[in-house]
Amino acid sequence: MAAAGVPANRVTYNVQLKGYCQQLQIGKARELFEETVTDAGIQPGMVTYNTLMDGCVLSDDSTGALAFFNEMWSRGIAPSTVSYMTLMKAFTVLGQPKVAHKVFEEMERDPRVTVDRAGGDGEAGGREDEGTRRAAGRGDVRQPGEGHHDGAQARGGAGALERGEGAVPGGG
């Protein structure tokens, strides 16, 4: 990347990861992830893990999505509602709605995540979208995948749940 004049940082790697994941090339995404951490010394963040988890779900690798979720926990990176929702999607795809519900319950208990029950995700709950906020002159517009999302606010980054306390199978 640097040879092409593009500064290597977490954002540029996340963009590449997303491209691989959207093209269902999860193997290349995993290789790039390892290169990012090992060779470039760039530490992954929540967006990195959310991207990889989603790529795993898109590639029918729900076990891989769970593994990335657990790795995120083990590194002390606070999950967002997107993290939990992606994991719920993985278990739903596997035909395990009860486990998906346990993940939801875990999300409700996580003090770092606020669950918005009234508005949903902005599609059906009457919430404003980015264009509406801009048209109304309200500048509090966040980029998708960069931290907070409609209906979610990660609170703090310290203190991941101790192993075995959570309802997420094999994880936090």
N, C-alpha and C. Protein backbone atom coordinates (compact mmCIF):
# COMPACT_ATOMS: atom_id res chain seq x y z
N MET A 1 0.81 -1.17 0.00
CA MET A 1 0.00 0.00 0.00
C MET A 1 0.87 1.26 0.00
N ALA A 2 1.86 1.28 0.88
CA ALA A 2 2.73 2.44 0.98
C ALA A 2 3.48 2.68 -0.33
N ALA A 3 3.83 1.61 -1.04
CA ALA A 3 4.53 1.74 -2.32
C ALA A 3 3.67 2.47 -3.35
N ALA A 4 2.35 2.37 -3.21
CA ALA A 4 1.44 3.04 -4.13
C ALA A 4 1.13 4.47 -3.69
N GLY A 5 1.77 4.92 -2.61
CA GLY A 5 1.55 6.27 -2.14
C GLY A 5 0.36 6.43 -1.21
N VAL A 6 -0.23 5.32 -0.81
CA VAL A 6 -1.37 5.36 0.11
C VAL A 6 -0.85 5.03 1.50
N PRO A 7 -1.06 5.92 2.47
CA PRO A 7 -0.57 5.63 3.81
C PRO A 7 -1.30 4.44 4.42
N ALA A 8 -0.53 3.53 4.95
CA ALA A 8 -1.12 2.34 5.57
C ALA A 8 -1.57 2.69 6.98
N ASN A 9 -2.85 2.54 7.22
CA ASN A 9 -3.39 2.73 8.55
C ASN A 9 -4.63 1.84 8.70
N ARG A 10 -5.24 1.88 9.85
CA ARG A 10 -6.37 0.99 10.10
C ARG A 10 -7.51 1.22 9.10
N VAL A 11 -7.76 2.47 8.75
CA VAL A 11 -8.85 2.78 7.83
C VAL A 11 -8.59 2.19 6.46
N THR A 12 -7.38 2.36 5.93
CA THR A 12 -7.10 1.83 4.59
C THR A 12 -7.17 0.30 4.59
N TYR A 13 -6.70 -0.33 5.66
CA TYR A 13 -6.81 -1.78 5.73
C TYR A 13 -8.27 -2.21 5.86
N ASN A 14 -9.06 -1.48 6.63
CA ASN A 14 -10.48 -1.82 6.77
C ASN A 14 -11.21 -1.74 5.44
N VAL A 15 -10.85 -0.75 4.63
CA VAL A 15 -11.47 -0.62 3.30
C VAL A 15 -11.13 -1.83 2.45
N GLN A 16 -9.87 -2.23 2.47
CA GLN A 16 -9.47 -3.42 1.71
C GLN A 16 -10.17 -4.67 2.23
N LEU A 17 -10.23 -4.81 3.55
CA LEU A 17 -10.92 -5.97 4.14
C LEU A 17 -12.37 -6.02 3.69
N LYS A 18 -13.03 -4.87 3.72
CA LYS A 18 -14.44 -4.83 3.31
C LYS A 18 -14.59 -5.26 1.86
N GLY A 19 -13.69 -4.82 1.00
CA GLY A 19 -13.74 -5.22 -0.40
C GLY A 19 -13.62 -6.72 -0.57
N TYR A 20 -12.66 -7.33 0.12
CA TYR A 20 -12.51 -8.79 0.05
C TYR A 20 -13.76 -9.48 0.58
N CYS A 21 -14.29 -8.98 1.69
CA CYS A 21 -15.46 -9.62 2.29
C CYS A 21 -16.68 -9.51 1.38
N GLN A 22 -16.87 -8.36 0.77
CA GLN A 22 -18.01 -8.17 -0.13
C GLN A 22 -17.90 -9.06 -1.36
N GLN A 23 -16.68 -9.40 -1.75
CA GLN A 23 -16.47 -10.28 -2.90
C GLN A 23 -16.39 -11.74 -2.47
N LEU A 24 -16.74 -12.00 -1.20
CA LEU A 24 -16.75 -13.35 -0.63
C LEU A 24 -15.38 -14.01 -0.67
N GLN A 25 -14.33 -13.21 -0.56
CA GLN A 25 -12.96 -13.71 -0.53
C GLN A 25 -12.44 -13.64 0.90
N ILE A 26 -13.10 -14.39 1.79
CA ILE A 26 -12.77 -14.33 3.21
C ILE A 26 -11.35 -14.84 3.47
N GLY A 27 -10.85 -15.75 2.64
CA GLY A 27 -9.48 -16.22 2.80
C GLY A 27 -8.48 -15.09 2.61
N LYS A 28 -8.69 -14.28 1.57
CA LYS A 28 -7.80 -13.13 1.34
C LYS A 28 -7.97 -12.10 2.44
N ALA A 29 -9.19 -11.95 2.93
CA ALA A 29 -9.42 -11.01 4.03
C ALA A 29 -8.66 -11.45 5.28
N ARG A 30 -8.68 -12.74 5.56
CA ARG A 30 -7.94 -13.26 6.73
C ARG A 30 -6.43 -13.04 6.57
N GLU A 31 -5.93 -13.27 5.35
CA GLU A 31 -4.50 -13.04 5.09
C GLU A 31 -4.14 -11.57 5.31
N LEU A 32 -4.98 -10.68 4.79
CA LEU A 32 -4.74 -9.25 4.96
C LEU A 32 -4.81 -8.88 6.44
N PHE A 33 -5.74 -9.47 7.16
CA PHE A 33 -5.86 -9.21 8.59
C PHE A 33 -4.57 -9.58 9.32
N GLU A 34 -4.04 -10.75 9.00
CA GLU A 34 -2.78 -11.19 9.63
C GLU A 34 -1.63 -10.26 9.25
N GLU A 35 -1.59 -9.85 7.98
CA GLU A 35 -0.55 -8.93 7.52
C GLU A 35 -0.65 -7.60 8.25
N THR A 36 -1.88 -7.14 8.44
CA THR A 36 -2.11 -5.87 9.11
C THR A 36 -1.53 -5.89 10.52
N VAL A 37 -1.82 -6.96 11.25
CA VAL A 37 -1.39 -7.05 12.65
C VAL A 37 0.08 -7.40 12.75
N THR A 38 0.51 -8.42 12.01
CA THR A 38 1.87 -8.93 12.15
C THR A 38 2.91 -8.05 11.46
N ASP A 39 2.72 -7.80 10.18
CA ASP A 39 3.73 -7.07 9.41
C ASP A 39 3.65 -5.56 9.59
N ALA A 40 2.44 -5.01 9.50
CA ALA A 40 2.29 -3.56 9.56
C ALA A 40 2.19 -3.05 10.99
N GLY A 41 1.91 -3.94 11.93
CA GLY A 41 1.82 -3.52 13.33
C GLY A 41 0.62 -2.65 13.64
N ILE A 42 -0.40 -2.73 12.80
CA ILE A 42 -1.61 -1.94 13.01
C ILE A 42 -2.62 -2.81 13.75
N GLN A 43 -3.06 -2.33 14.90
CA GLN A 43 -3.97 -3.11 15.72
C GLN A 43 -5.40 -2.99 15.19
N PRO A 44 -6.11 -4.10 15.14
CA PRO A 44 -7.49 -4.07 14.66
C PRO A 44 -8.39 -3.38 15.67
N GLY A 45 -9.48 -2.84 15.18
CA GLY A 45 -10.48 -2.20 16.03
C GLY A 45 -11.83 -2.86 15.85
N MET A 46 -12.83 -2.28 16.46
CA MET A 46 -14.18 -2.82 16.38
C MET A 46 -14.66 -2.91 14.93
N VAL A 47 -14.40 -1.87 14.14
CA VAL A 47 -14.84 -1.89 12.74
C VAL A 47 -14.16 -3.02 11.98
N THR A 48 -12.89 -3.25 12.25
CA THR A 48 -12.16 -4.35 11.61
C THR A 48 -12.85 -5.67 11.90
N TYR A 49 -13.14 -5.91 13.17
CA TYR A 49 -13.78 -7.18 13.54
C TYR A 49 -15.20 -7.27 13.00
N ASN A 50 -15.96 -6.18 13.03
CA ASN A 50 -17.32 -6.21 12.47
C ASN A 50 -17.28 -6.57 10.99
N THR A 51 -16.32 -6.00 10.28
CA THR A 51 -16.17 -6.28 8.84
C THR A 51 -15.86 -7.75 8.61
N LEU A 52 -14.92 -8.29 9.37
CA LEU A 52 -14.55 -9.70 9.22
C LEU A 52 -15.69 -10.63 9.61
N MET A 53 -16.40 -10.28 10.68
CA MET A 53 -17.55 -11.10 11.09
C MET A 53 -18.60 -11.13 9.99
N ASP A 54 -18.90 -9.96 9.42
CA ASP A 54 -19.89 -9.89 8.36
C ASP A 54 -19.43 -10.68 7.14
N GLY A 55 -18.14 -10.58 6.81
CA GLY A 55 -17.60 -11.35 5.69
C GLY A 55 -17.76 -12.84 5.91
N CYS A 56 -17.55 -13.28 7.14
CA CYS A 56 -17.73 -14.70 7.46
C CYS A 56 -19.19 -15.11 7.27
N VAL A 57 -20.12 -14.29 7.74
CA VAL A 57 -21.54 -14.61 7.58
C VAL A 57 -21.90 -14.67 6.11
N LEU A 58 -21.42 -13.70 5.33
CA LEU A 58 -21.70 -13.69 3.89
C LEU A 58 -21.13 -14.92 3.19
N SER A 59 -20.03 -15.45 3.73
CA SER A 59 -19.37 -16.62 3.15
C SER A 59 -19.83 -17.93 3.79
N ASP A 60 -20.95 -17.87 4.52
CA ASP A 60 -21.50 -19.06 5.19
C ASP A 60 -20.51 -19.67 6.18
N ASP A 61 -19.75 -18.84 6.86
CA ASP A 61 -18.80 -19.30 7.87
C ASP A 61 -19.16 -18.68 9.21
N SER A 62 -20.30 -19.11 9.75
CA SER A 62 -20.77 -18.56 11.02
C SER A 62 -19.82 -18.88 12.17
N THR A 63 -19.14 -20.02 12.09
CA THR A 63 -18.16 -20.37 13.11
C THR A 63 -17.02 -19.35 13.11
N GLY A 64 -16.60 -18.93 11.92
CA GLY A 64 -15.57 -17.91 11.81
C GLY A 64 -16.02 -16.59 12.40
N ALA A 65 -17.30 -16.24 12.19
CA ALA A 65 -17.83 -15.00 12.77
C ALA A 65 -17.75 -15.05 14.29
N LEU A 66 -18.12 -16.19 14.87
CA LEU A 66 -18.03 -16.35 16.32
C LEU A 66 -16.58 -16.26 16.79
N ALA A 67 -15.68 -16.86 16.04
CA ALA A 67 -14.26 -16.82 16.41
C ALA A 67 -13.74 -15.38 16.42
N PHE A 68 -14.12 -14.58 15.41
CA PHE A 68 -13.68 -13.18 15.39
C PHE A 68 -14.31 -12.39 16.54
N PHE A 69 -15.58 -12.68 16.86
CA PHE A 69 -16.23 -12.01 17.98
C PHE A 69 -15.47 -12.31 19.28
N ASN A 70 -15.15 -13.58 19.48
CA ASN A 70 -14.42 -13.97 20.69
C ASN A 70 -13.02 -13.38 20.73
N GLU A 71 -12.36 -13.29 19.57
CA GLU A 71 -11.03 -12.67 19.52
C GLU A 71 -11.12 -11.18 19.88
N MET A 72 -12.17 -10.54 19.40
CA MET A 72 -12.38 -9.13 19.71
C MET A 72 -12.50 -8.96 21.23
N TRP A 73 -13.30 -9.83 21.86
CA TRP A 73 -13.44 -9.81 23.32
C TRP A 73 -12.09 -10.00 24.00
N SER A 74 -11.35 -11.00 23.53
CA SER A 74 -10.08 -11.33 24.19
C SER A 74 -9.06 -10.20 24.08
N ARG A 75 -9.17 -9.38 23.05
CA ARG A 75 -8.28 -8.23 22.89
C ARG A 75 -8.78 -7.01 23.68
N GLY A 76 -9.93 -7.16 24.33
CA GLY A 76 -10.47 -6.06 25.12
C GLY A 76 -11.15 -4.99 24.30
N ILE A 77 -11.56 -5.33 23.08
CA ILE A 77 -12.24 -4.37 22.21
C ILE A 77 -13.73 -4.49 22.45
N ALA A 78 -14.35 -3.38 22.81
CA ALA A 78 -15.78 -3.38 23.11
C ALA A 78 -16.60 -3.59 21.85
N PRO A 79 -17.50 -4.57 21.87
CA PRO A 79 -18.38 -4.77 20.72
C PRO A 79 -19.45 -3.69 20.67
N SER A 80 -19.98 -3.47 19.49
CA SER A 80 -21.09 -2.53 19.29
C SER A 80 -22.35 -3.33 19.02
N THR A 81 -23.47 -2.64 18.84
CA THR A 81 -24.68 -3.36 18.46
C THR A 81 -24.48 -4.04 17.11
N VAL A 82 -23.68 -3.44 16.24
CA VAL A 82 -23.41 -4.07 14.94
C VAL A 82 -22.70 -5.40 15.16
N SER A 83 -21.77 -5.45 16.10
CA SER A 83 -21.07 -6.70 16.41
C SER A 83 -22.06 -7.77 16.84
N TYR A 84 -22.91 -7.41 17.78
CA TYR A 84 -23.90 -8.36 18.28
C TYR A 84 -24.90 -8.75 17.20
N MET A 85 -25.37 -7.77 16.43
CA MET A 85 -26.35 -8.07 15.38
C MET A 85 -25.75 -9.00 14.32
N THR A 86 -24.50 -8.81 13.99
CA THR A 86 -23.85 -9.69 13.02
C THR A 86 -23.76 -11.10 13.57
N LEU A 87 -23.44 -11.22 14.85
CA LEU A 87 -23.38 -12.54 15.47
C LEU A 87 -24.77 -13.18 15.52
N MET A 88 -25.80 -12.37 15.80
CA MET A 88 -27.18 -12.90 15.78
C MET A 88 -27.53 -13.40 14.38
N LYS A 89 -27.12 -12.64 13.38
CA LYS A 89 -27.38 -13.05 11.99
C LYS A 89 -26.69 -14.38 11.70
N ALA A 90 -25.48 -14.55 12.20
CA ALA A 90 -24.74 -15.80 11.98
C ALA A 90 -25.51 -16.99 12.54
N PHE A 91 -26.01 -16.86 13.76
CA PHE A 91 -26.74 -17.98 14.36
C PHE A 91 -28.10 -18.19 13.70
N THR A 92 -28.72 -17.12 13.24
CA THR A 92 -29.98 -17.26 12.52
C THR A 92 -29.77 -18.02 11.22
N VAL A 93 -28.70 -17.68 10.50
CA VAL A 93 -28.37 -18.38 9.26
C VAL A 93 -28.12 -19.87 9.53
N LEU A 94 -27.52 -20.16 10.68
CA LEU A 94 -27.27 -21.56 11.06
C LEU A 94 -28.54 -22.29 11.50
N GLY A 95 -29.65 -21.57 11.56
CA GLY A 95 -30.90 -22.18 12.01
C GLY A 95 -30.95 -22.36 13.52
N GLN A 96 -30.29 -21.45 14.25
CA GLN A 96 -30.25 -21.53 15.71
C GLN A 96 -30.81 -20.24 16.32
N PRO A 97 -32.13 -20.02 16.17
CA PRO A 97 -32.71 -18.77 16.68
C PRO A 97 -32.61 -18.63 18.20
N LYS A 98 -32.61 -19.74 18.92
CA LYS A 98 -32.50 -19.65 20.39
C LYS A 98 -31.13 -19.12 20.79
N VAL A 99 -30.09 -19.54 20.08
CA VAL A 99 -28.75 -19.03 20.37
C VAL A 99 -28.67 -17.56 19.98
N ALA A 100 -29.29 -17.20 18.85
CA ALA A 100 -29.32 -15.80 18.43
C ALA A 100 -29.99 -14.95 19.51
N HIS A 101 -31.06 -15.48 20.10
CA HIS A 101 -31.74 -14.76 21.18
C HIS A 101 -30.84 -14.61 22.41
N LYS A 102 -30.05 -15.63 22.70
CA LYS A 102 -29.10 -15.54 23.82
C LYS A 102 -28.07 -14.44 23.56
N VAL A 103 -27.66 -14.31 22.31
CA VAL A 103 -26.73 -13.23 21.95
C VAL A 103 -27.39 -11.88 22.20
N PHE A 104 -28.67 -11.77 21.84
CA PHE A 104 -29.40 -10.53 22.09
C PHE A 104 -29.46 -10.22 23.58
N GLU A 105 -29.74 -11.25 24.39
CA GLU A 105 -29.78 -11.06 25.84
C GLU A 105 -28.41 -10.62 26.37
N GLU A 106 -27.36 -11.18 25.81
CA GLU A 106 -26.00 -10.78 26.21
C GLU A 106 -25.77 -9.31 25.86
N MET A 107 -26.25 -8.89 24.69
CA MET A 107 -26.11 -7.50 24.27
C MET A 107 -26.84 -6.58 25.25
N GLU A 108 -28.04 -7.00 25.68
CA GLU A 108 -28.79 -6.19 26.64
C GLU A 108 -28.04 -6.01 27.96
N ARG A 109 -27.31 -7.04 28.36
CA ARG A 109 -26.57 -6.99 29.63
C ARG A 109 -25.24 -6.24 29.51
N ASP A 110 -24.73 -6.08 28.31
CA ASP A 110 -23.42 -5.45 28.13
C ASP A 110 -23.54 -3.96 28.46
N PRO A 111 -22.85 -3.49 29.51
CA PRO A 111 -22.98 -2.09 29.91
C PRO A 111 -22.39 -1.11 28.91
N ARG A 112 -21.63 -1.60 27.95
CA ARG A 112 -21.00 -0.71 26.98
C ARG A 112 -21.88 -0.44 25.77
N VAL A 113 -23.03 -1.09 25.70
CA VAL A 113 -23.90 -0.97 24.53
C VAL A 113 -25.29 -0.54 24.98
N THR A 114 -25.86 0.44 24.28
CA THR A 114 -27.22 0.87 24.54
C THR A 114 -28.10 0.30 23.45
N VAL A 115 -29.14 -0.42 23.84
CA VAL A 115 -30.06 -1.02 22.89
C VAL A 115 -31.26 -0.09 22.75
N ASP A 116 -31.52 0.36 21.53
CA ASP A 116 -32.65 1.24 21.25
C ASP A 116 -33.82 0.37 20.81
N ARG A 117 -34.79 0.21 21.69
CA ARG A 117 -35.93 -0.66 21.38
C ARG A 117 -37.01 0.07 20.60
N ALA A 118 -37.09 1.39 20.72
CA ALA A 118 -38.20 2.11 20.13
C ALA A 118 -38.03 2.38 18.65
N GLY A 119 -36.82 2.74 18.23
CA GLY A 119 -36.65 3.22 16.87
C GLY A 119 -36.17 2.21 15.87
N GLY A 120 -35.67 1.09 16.30
CA GLY A 120 -35.15 0.12 15.34
C GLY A 120 -33.88 0.61 14.69
N ASP A 121 -33.69 0.23 13.44
CA ASP A 121 -32.44 0.54 12.76
C ASP A 121 -32.56 1.70 11.78
N GLY A 122 -33.66 2.43 11.83
CA GLY A 122 -33.80 3.58 10.94
C GLY A 122 -34.63 3.27 9.71
N GLU A 123 -34.94 2.01 9.47
CA GLU A 123 -35.70 1.68 8.27
C GLU A 123 -37.20 1.75 8.50
N ALA A 124 -37.67 1.33 9.66
CA ALA A 124 -39.10 1.26 9.87
C ALA A 124 -39.56 2.01 11.11
N GLY A 125 -38.67 2.48 11.92
CA GLY A 125 -39.05 3.03 13.21
C GLY A 125 -39.25 4.53 13.23
N GLY A 126 -39.31 5.18 12.10
CA GLY A 126 -39.52 6.60 12.08
C GLY A 126 -38.28 7.41 12.43
N ARG A 127 -37.14 6.81 12.41
CA ARG A 127 -35.90 7.53 12.74
C ARG A 127 -35.42 8.27 11.51
N GLU A 128 -34.71 9.34 11.75
CA GLU A 128 -34.17 10.12 10.65
C GLU A 128 -32.98 9.42 10.02
N ASP A 129 -32.86 9.55 8.72
CA ASP A 129 -31.68 9.03 8.06
C ASP A 129 -30.67 10.16 7.88
N GLU A 130 -29.51 9.82 7.37
CA GLU A 130 -28.42 10.79 7.22
C GLU A 130 -28.85 11.98 6.37
N GLY A 131 -29.53 11.73 5.26
CA GLY A 131 -29.97 12.80 4.37
C GLY A 131 -30.94 13.75 5.04
N THR A 132 -31.85 13.21 5.84
CA THR A 132 -32.80 14.04 6.56
C THR A 132 -32.10 14.94 7.55
N ARG A 133 -31.12 14.40 8.28
CA ARG A 133 -30.38 15.20 9.26
C ARG A 133 -29.60 16.31 8.56
N ARG A 134 -28.99 15.98 7.43
CA ARG A 134 -28.23 17.01 6.71
C ARG A 134 -29.15 18.10 6.18
N ALA A 135 -30.31 17.69 5.62
CA ALA A 135 -31.25 18.65 5.07
C ALA A 135 -31.79 19.57 6.17
N ALA A 136 -31.91 19.05 7.37
CA ALA A 136 -32.41 19.85 8.49
C ALA A 136 -31.31 20.66 9.15
N GLY A 137 -30.08 20.53 8.66
CA GLY A 137 -28.98 21.29 9.20
C GLY A 137 -28.38 20.73 10.47
N ARG A 138 -28.69 19.49 10.77
CA ARG A 138 -28.12 18.85 11.95
C ARG A 138 -26.91 18.05 11.51
N GLY A 139 -25.76 18.44 11.97
CA GLY A 139 -24.52 17.86 11.49
C GLY A 139 -24.05 16.61 12.19
N ASP A 140 -24.84 16.07 13.10
CA ASP A 140 -24.40 14.88 13.84
C ASP A 140 -24.58 13.64 12.97
N VAL A 141 -23.79 13.57 11.92
CA VAL A 141 -23.88 12.46 10.98
C VAL A 141 -22.62 11.63 11.10
N ARG A 142 -22.77 10.36 11.43
CA ARG A 142 -21.61 9.47 11.57
C ARG A 142 -21.55 8.55 10.36
N GLN A 143 -20.35 8.23 10.00
CA GLN A 143 -20.16 7.32 8.88
C GLN A 143 -20.50 5.90 9.30
N PRO A 144 -21.20 5.14 8.45
CA PRO A 144 -21.50 3.76 8.78
C PRO A 144 -20.22 2.99 9.05
N GLY A 145 -20.27 2.18 10.09
CA GLY A 145 -19.13 1.32 10.41
C GLY A 145 -18.03 2.02 11.19
N GLU A 146 -18.21 3.27 11.55
CA GLU A 146 -17.15 3.98 12.27
C GLU A 146 -17.62 4.34 13.67
N GLY A 147 -17.75 3.35 14.50
CA GLY A 147 -18.06 3.61 15.91
C GLY A 147 -19.52 3.48 16.22
N HIS A 148 -20.20 4.59 16.43
CA HIS A 148 -21.58 4.56 16.88
C HIS A 148 -22.52 4.45 15.69
N HIS A 149 -23.65 3.82 15.90
CA HIS A 149 -24.63 3.61 14.84
C HIS A 149 -25.99 4.00 15.38
N ASP A 150 -26.97 4.22 14.49
CA ASP A 150 -28.32 4.48 14.95
C ASP A 150 -28.70 3.38 15.93
N GLY A 151 -29.19 3.78 17.07
CA GLY A 151 -29.64 2.80 18.05
C GLY A 151 -28.53 2.22 18.89
N ALA A 152 -27.32 2.70 18.76
CA ALA A 152 -26.23 2.10 19.54
C ALA A 152 -25.25 3.16 19.97
N GLN A 153 -24.77 2.99 21.18
CA GLN A 153 -23.70 3.86 21.65
C GLN A 153 -22.80 3.02 22.52
N ALA A 154 -21.59 2.81 22.04
CA ALA A 154 -20.64 2.06 22.86
C ALA A 154 -20.21 2.96 23.99
N ARG A 155 -20.27 2.44 25.20
CA ARG A 155 -19.89 3.24 26.36
C ARG A 155 -18.64 2.67 26.98
N GLY A 156 -17.54 3.37 26.82
CA GLY A 156 -16.30 2.95 27.45
C GLY A 156 -15.70 1.75 26.76
N GLY A 157 -14.45 1.47 27.08
CA GLY A 157 -13.80 0.34 26.45
C GLY A 157 -13.20 -0.61 27.46
N ALA A 158 -13.33 -0.30 28.72
CA ALA A 158 -12.65 -1.12 29.72
C ALA A 158 -13.54 -2.23 30.22
N GLY A 159 -12.91 -3.30 30.63
CA GLY A 159 -13.59 -4.34 31.38
C GLY A 159 -14.45 -5.29 30.57
N ALA A 160 -13.89 -6.03 29.67
CA ALA A 160 -14.67 -7.06 28.98
C ALA A 160 -15.13 -8.07 30.01
N LEU A 161 -16.28 -8.65 29.77
CA LEU A 161 -16.78 -9.67 30.69
C LEU A 161 -15.77 -10.79 30.83
N GLU A 162 -15.68 -11.32 32.01
CA GLU A 162 -14.75 -12.42 32.22
C GLU A 162 -15.23 -13.64 31.45
N ARG A 163 -14.28 -14.42 31.00
CA ARG A 163 -14.60 -15.62 30.22
C ARG A 163 -15.60 -16.47 30.99
N GLY A 164 -16.61 -16.96 30.28
CA GLY A 164 -17.58 -17.86 30.87
C GLY A 164 -18.78 -17.17 31.48
N GLU A 165 -18.76 -15.86 31.64
CA GLU A 165 -19.90 -15.17 32.23
C GLU A 165 -21.00 -14.91 31.21
N GLY A 166 -20.65 -14.77 29.96
CA GLY A 166 -21.62 -14.38 28.96
C GLY A 166 -22.44 -15.53 28.43
N ALA A 167 -23.51 -15.16 27.74
CA ALA A 167 -24.40 -16.16 27.15
C ALA A 167 -23.94 -16.58 25.77
N VAL A 168 -22.94 -15.89 25.22
CA VAL A 168 -22.47 -16.21 23.89
C VAL A 168 -21.65 -17.48 23.95
N PRO A 169 -22.06 -18.51 23.20
CA PRO A 169 -21.35 -19.79 23.26
C PRO A 169 -19.87 -19.63 22.97
N GLY A 170 -19.07 -20.14 23.86
CA GLY A 170 -17.62 -20.14 23.65
C GLY A 170 -16.98 -18.78 23.79
N GLY A 171 -17.74 -17.78 24.21
CA GLY A 171 -17.16 -16.45 24.26
C GLY A 171 -17.51 -15.72 25.51
N GLY A 172 -17.35 -14.38 25.39
CA GLY A 172 -17.46 -13.45 26.46
C GLY A 172 -18.67 -13.44 27.22
